[in-house]
Amino acid sequence: MTSQTVLTIAQQALLITVLVSAPPLLAALVVGLLVSIFQAATQINEMTLSFIPKLLAIFASLVIAGPWMLATLTDYMQRLYGSIPQTIG
């Protein structure tokens, strides 16, 4: 196993991590921005007001993008485990 192989595996793992975590994070970002604009427009400065909408948006994004996220992770792990013989030998 060379250092290039280790770097390639680490790069792929980081890419998969970013891809899988993007839908819930983007949903939370968009909802947080909309709630902040609403709070600024109405001058309601309640800190807990943004928590429930963000939580619901993250849950909805996990329900919608969950199968894709699971398929992406499963595919990556199958490729990783399938490449063990070539990596070691």
N, C-alpha and C. Protein backbone atom coordinates (compact mmCIF):
# COMPACT_ATOMS: atom_id res chain seq x y z
N MET A 1 0.85 -1.17 0.00
CA MET A 1 0.00 0.00 0.00
C MET A 1 0.90 1.24 0.00
N THR A 2 0.71 2.07 -0.97
CA THR A 2 1.53 3.27 -1.09
C THR A 2 0.81 4.45 -0.45
N SER A 3 1.56 5.51 -0.30
CA SER A 3 0.96 6.71 0.27
C SER A 3 -0.08 7.31 -0.67
N GLN A 4 0.09 7.13 -1.97
CA GLN A 4 -0.88 7.63 -2.95
C GLN A 4 -2.22 6.90 -2.78
N THR A 5 -2.17 5.61 -2.49
CA THR A 5 -3.40 4.84 -2.28
C THR A 5 -4.14 5.33 -1.04
N VAL A 6 -3.39 5.59 0.02
CA VAL A 6 -4.00 6.08 1.25
C VAL A 6 -4.63 7.45 1.02
N LEU A 7 -3.94 8.31 0.29
CA LEU A 7 -4.48 9.65 0.00
C LEU A 7 -5.73 9.57 -0.87
N THR A 8 -5.75 8.65 -1.81
CA THR A 8 -6.92 8.48 -2.67
C THR A 8 -8.12 8.00 -1.87
N ILE A 9 -7.90 7.03 -0.98
CA ILE A 9 -8.99 6.53 -0.14
C ILE A 9 -9.50 7.63 0.78
N ALA A 10 -8.61 8.41 1.37
CA ALA A 10 -9.01 9.50 2.25
C ALA A 10 -9.77 10.58 1.47
N GLN A 11 -9.32 10.88 0.26
CA GLN A 11 -9.99 11.88 -0.57
C GLN A 11 -11.41 11.43 -0.92
N GLN A 12 -11.55 10.15 -1.29
CA GLN A 12 -12.88 9.63 -1.61
C GLN A 12 -13.79 9.64 -0.39
N ALA A 13 -13.24 9.31 0.78
CA ALA A 13 -14.04 9.31 2.01
C ALA A 13 -14.53 10.72 2.34
N LEU A 14 -13.66 11.70 2.19
CA LEU A 14 -14.06 13.08 2.46
C LEU A 14 -15.11 13.57 1.46
N LEU A 15 -14.96 13.19 0.21
CA LEU A 15 -15.94 13.57 -0.81
C LEU A 15 -17.31 12.96 -0.52
N ILE A 16 -17.33 11.69 -0.15
CA ILE A 16 -18.59 11.04 0.19
C ILE A 16 -19.21 11.68 1.42
N THR A 17 -18.37 12.04 2.40
CA THR A 17 -18.87 12.70 3.61
C THR A 17 -19.53 14.03 3.27
N VAL A 18 -18.91 14.81 2.42
CA VAL A 18 -19.47 16.10 2.02
C VAL A 18 -20.77 15.92 1.24
N LEU A 19 -20.79 14.95 0.33
CA LEU A 19 -21.99 14.72 -0.46
C LEU A 19 -23.16 14.25 0.39
N VAL A 20 -22.89 13.37 1.35
CA VAL A 20 -23.97 12.82 2.16
C VAL A 20 -24.48 13.83 3.18
N SER A 21 -23.59 14.68 3.67
CA SER A 21 -24.03 15.65 4.68
C SER A 21 -24.63 16.92 4.07
N ALA A 22 -24.52 17.09 2.78
CA ALA A 22 -24.99 18.32 2.14
C ALA A 22 -26.51 18.54 2.23
N PRO A 23 -27.36 17.55 1.95
CA PRO A 23 -28.80 17.84 1.97
C PRO A 23 -29.33 18.34 3.32
N PRO A 24 -29.01 17.69 4.45
CA PRO A 24 -29.53 18.23 5.72
C PRO A 24 -28.92 19.58 6.08
N LEU A 25 -27.65 19.76 5.78
CA LEU A 25 -27.02 21.04 6.11
C LEU A 25 -27.57 22.18 5.26
N LEU A 26 -27.80 21.92 3.99
CA LEU A 26 -28.38 22.95 3.13
C LEU A 26 -29.81 23.28 3.53
N ALA A 27 -30.57 22.25 3.93
CA ALA A 27 -31.94 22.51 4.38
C ALA A 27 -31.94 23.37 5.64
N ALA A 28 -31.05 23.06 6.57
CA ALA A 28 -30.96 23.86 7.80
C ALA A 28 -30.51 25.28 7.48
N LEU A 29 -29.60 25.42 6.54
CA LEU A 29 -29.12 26.75 6.16
C LEU A 29 -30.23 27.60 5.56
N VAL A 30 -30.99 27.03 4.64
CA VAL A 30 -32.05 27.77 3.97
C VAL A 30 -33.15 28.15 4.97
N VAL A 31 -33.56 27.20 5.80
CA VAL A 31 -34.61 27.49 6.78
C VAL A 31 -34.12 28.50 7.80
N GLY A 32 -32.88 28.38 8.24
CA GLY A 32 -32.33 29.35 9.19
C GLY A 32 -32.29 30.75 8.61
N LEU A 33 -31.94 30.85 7.33
CA LEU A 33 -31.91 32.15 6.66
C LEU A 33 -33.32 32.74 6.55
N LEU A 34 -34.28 31.92 6.17
CA LEU A 34 -35.66 32.41 6.06
C LEU A 34 -36.22 32.84 7.41
N VAL A 35 -35.95 32.07 8.44
CA VAL A 35 -36.43 32.44 9.77
C VAL A 35 -35.75 33.71 10.25
N SER A 36 -34.47 33.87 9.95
CA SER A 36 -33.76 35.08 10.35
C SER A 36 -34.32 36.31 9.65
N ILE A 37 -34.64 36.17 8.37
CA ILE A 37 -35.26 37.28 7.63
C ILE A 37 -36.63 37.60 8.23
N PHE A 38 -37.39 36.57 8.56
CA PHE A 38 -38.69 36.79 9.19
C PHE A 38 -38.55 37.48 10.55
N GLN A 39 -37.58 37.05 11.33
CA GLN A 39 -37.36 37.67 12.64
C GLN A 39 -36.92 39.13 12.50
N ALA A 40 -36.09 39.39 11.51
CA ALA A 40 -35.64 40.77 11.31
C ALA A 40 -36.79 41.66 10.83
N ALA A 41 -37.66 41.11 10.01
CA ALA A 41 -38.77 41.90 9.49
C ALA A 41 -39.82 42.18 10.56
N THR A 42 -40.04 41.22 11.45
CA THR A 42 -41.08 41.40 12.47
C THR A 42 -40.51 41.83 13.81
N GLN A 43 -39.23 41.90 13.93
CA GLN A 43 -38.52 42.26 15.16
C GLN A 43 -38.86 41.33 16.32
N ILE A 44 -39.08 40.06 16.00
CA ILE A 44 -39.27 39.04 17.03
C ILE A 44 -37.90 38.40 17.25
N ASN A 45 -37.34 38.59 18.42
CA ASN A 45 -36.01 38.07 18.71
C ASN A 45 -36.08 36.89 19.67
N GLU A 46 -36.76 35.86 19.26
CA GLU A 46 -36.89 34.66 20.07
C GLU A 46 -35.91 33.61 19.54
N MET A 47 -35.01 33.16 20.39
CA MET A 47 -33.95 32.25 19.95
C MET A 47 -34.50 30.86 19.61
N THR A 48 -35.56 30.45 20.29
CA THR A 48 -36.10 29.11 20.05
C THR A 48 -36.99 29.04 18.83
N LEU A 49 -37.31 30.17 18.22
CA LEU A 49 -38.21 30.19 17.06
C LEU A 49 -37.59 29.47 15.86
N SER A 50 -36.29 29.51 15.71
CA SER A 50 -35.65 28.90 14.55
C SER A 50 -35.34 27.42 14.78
N PHE A 51 -35.45 26.93 16.00
CA PHE A 51 -35.06 25.55 16.28
C PHE A 51 -36.00 24.53 15.66
N ILE A 52 -37.30 24.68 15.88
CA ILE A 52 -38.28 23.71 15.39
C ILE A 52 -38.35 23.68 13.86
N PRO A 53 -38.39 24.82 13.16
CA PRO A 53 -38.38 24.74 11.69
C PRO A 53 -37.12 24.08 11.13
N LYS A 54 -35.97 24.37 11.75
CA LYS A 54 -34.74 23.72 11.29
C LYS A 54 -34.80 22.21 11.51
N LEU A 55 -35.29 21.82 12.66
CA LEU A 55 -35.41 20.40 12.98
C LEU A 55 -36.34 19.70 12.00
N LEU A 56 -37.46 20.32 11.68
CA LEU A 56 -38.39 19.74 10.72
C LEU A 56 -37.80 19.69 9.31
N ALA A 57 -37.05 20.73 8.94
CA ALA A 57 -36.42 20.74 7.61
C ALA A 57 -35.36 19.66 7.51
N ILE A 58 -34.58 19.47 8.55
CA ILE A 58 -33.56 18.42 8.53
C ILE A 58 -34.22 17.05 8.45
N PHE A 59 -35.28 16.86 9.23
CA PHE A 59 -36.00 15.59 9.18
C PHE A 59 -36.58 15.34 7.79
N ALA A 60 -37.17 16.35 7.19
CA ALA A 60 -37.74 16.21 5.84
C ALA A 60 -36.66 15.91 4.81
N SER A 61 -35.51 16.57 4.93
CA SER A 61 -34.43 16.30 3.98
C SER A 61 -33.89 14.89 4.15
N LEU A 62 -33.86 14.39 5.39
CA LEU A 62 -33.42 13.01 5.61
C LEU A 62 -34.42 12.01 5.05
N VAL A 63 -35.70 12.33 5.15
CA VAL A 63 -36.72 11.44 4.59
C VAL A 63 -36.63 11.44 3.07
N ILE A 64 -36.45 12.61 2.49
CA ILE A 64 -36.42 12.71 1.02
C ILE A 64 -35.11 12.18 0.45
N ALA A 65 -33.97 12.62 1.02
CA ALA A 65 -32.66 12.25 0.47
C ALA A 65 -32.06 11.01 1.14
N GLY A 66 -32.75 10.45 2.13
CA GLY A 66 -32.22 9.31 2.86
C GLY A 66 -31.89 8.10 2.00
N PRO A 67 -32.78 7.69 1.10
CA PRO A 67 -32.43 6.54 0.26
C PRO A 67 -31.19 6.79 -0.62
N TRP A 68 -31.08 7.99 -1.15
CA TRP A 68 -29.90 8.31 -1.95
C TRP A 68 -28.63 8.31 -1.08
N MET A 69 -28.74 8.87 0.12
CA MET A 69 -27.60 8.90 1.02
C MET A 69 -27.16 7.48 1.40
N LEU A 70 -28.13 6.64 1.71
CA LEU A 70 -27.82 5.26 2.06
C LEU A 70 -27.22 4.50 0.89
N ALA A 71 -27.76 4.72 -0.31
CA ALA A 71 -27.21 4.05 -1.49
C ALA A 71 -25.79 4.52 -1.78
N THR A 72 -25.52 5.81 -1.59
CA THR A 72 -24.18 6.35 -1.82
C THR A 72 -23.18 5.75 -0.83
N LEU A 73 -23.56 5.71 0.43
CA LEU A 73 -22.67 5.14 1.44
C LEU A 73 -22.46 3.64 1.21
N THR A 74 -23.53 2.92 0.87
CA THR A 74 -23.41 1.49 0.62
C THR A 74 -22.52 1.21 -0.58
N ASP A 75 -22.68 1.98 -1.64
CA ASP A 75 -21.85 1.81 -2.83
C ASP A 75 -20.38 2.08 -2.52
N TYR A 76 -20.11 3.12 -1.75
CA TYR A 76 -18.73 3.44 -1.39
C TYR A 76 -18.12 2.32 -0.56
N MET A 77 -18.87 1.82 0.43
CA MET A 77 -18.33 0.76 1.28
C MET A 77 -18.11 -0.53 0.49
N GLN A 78 -19.00 -0.84 -0.43
CA GLN A 78 -18.80 -2.04 -1.26
C GLN A 78 -17.57 -1.90 -2.14
N ARG A 79 -17.37 -0.70 -2.72
CA ARG A 79 -16.16 -0.48 -3.52
C ARG A 79 -14.91 -0.54 -2.66
N LEU A 80 -14.99 0.01 -1.45
CA LEU A 80 -13.84 0.01 -0.56
C LEU A 80 -13.48 -1.41 -0.13
N TYR A 81 -14.48 -2.18 0.29
CA TYR A 81 -14.20 -3.56 0.69
C TYR A 81 -13.79 -4.43 -0.49
N GLY A 82 -14.35 -4.14 -1.67
CA GLY A 82 -13.98 -4.90 -2.86
C GLY A 82 -12.56 -4.62 -3.32
N SER A 83 -12.02 -3.47 -2.97
CA SER A 83 -10.66 -3.13 -3.41
C SER A 83 -9.59 -3.57 -2.41
N ILE A 84 -9.98 -4.22 -1.33
CA ILE A 84 -8.98 -4.65 -0.34
C ILE A 84 -7.95 -5.60 -0.93
N PRO A 85 -8.34 -6.61 -1.73
CA PRO A 85 -7.31 -7.51 -2.28
C PRO A 85 -6.29 -6.78 -3.17
N GLN A 86 -6.76 -5.84 -4.00
CA GLN A 86 -5.82 -5.12 -4.85
C GLN A 86 -4.95 -4.16 -4.03
N THR A 87 -5.51 -3.62 -2.96
CA THR A 87 -4.78 -2.65 -2.14
C THR A 87 -3.67 -3.33 -1.35
N ILE A 88 -3.98 -4.47 -0.78
CA ILE A 88 -2.99 -5.19 0.03
C ILE A 88 -1.97 -5.89 -0.84
N GLY A 89 -2.45 -6.56 -1.86
CA GLY A 89 -1.55 -7.38 -2.66
C GLY A 89 -0.99 -6.63 -3.78
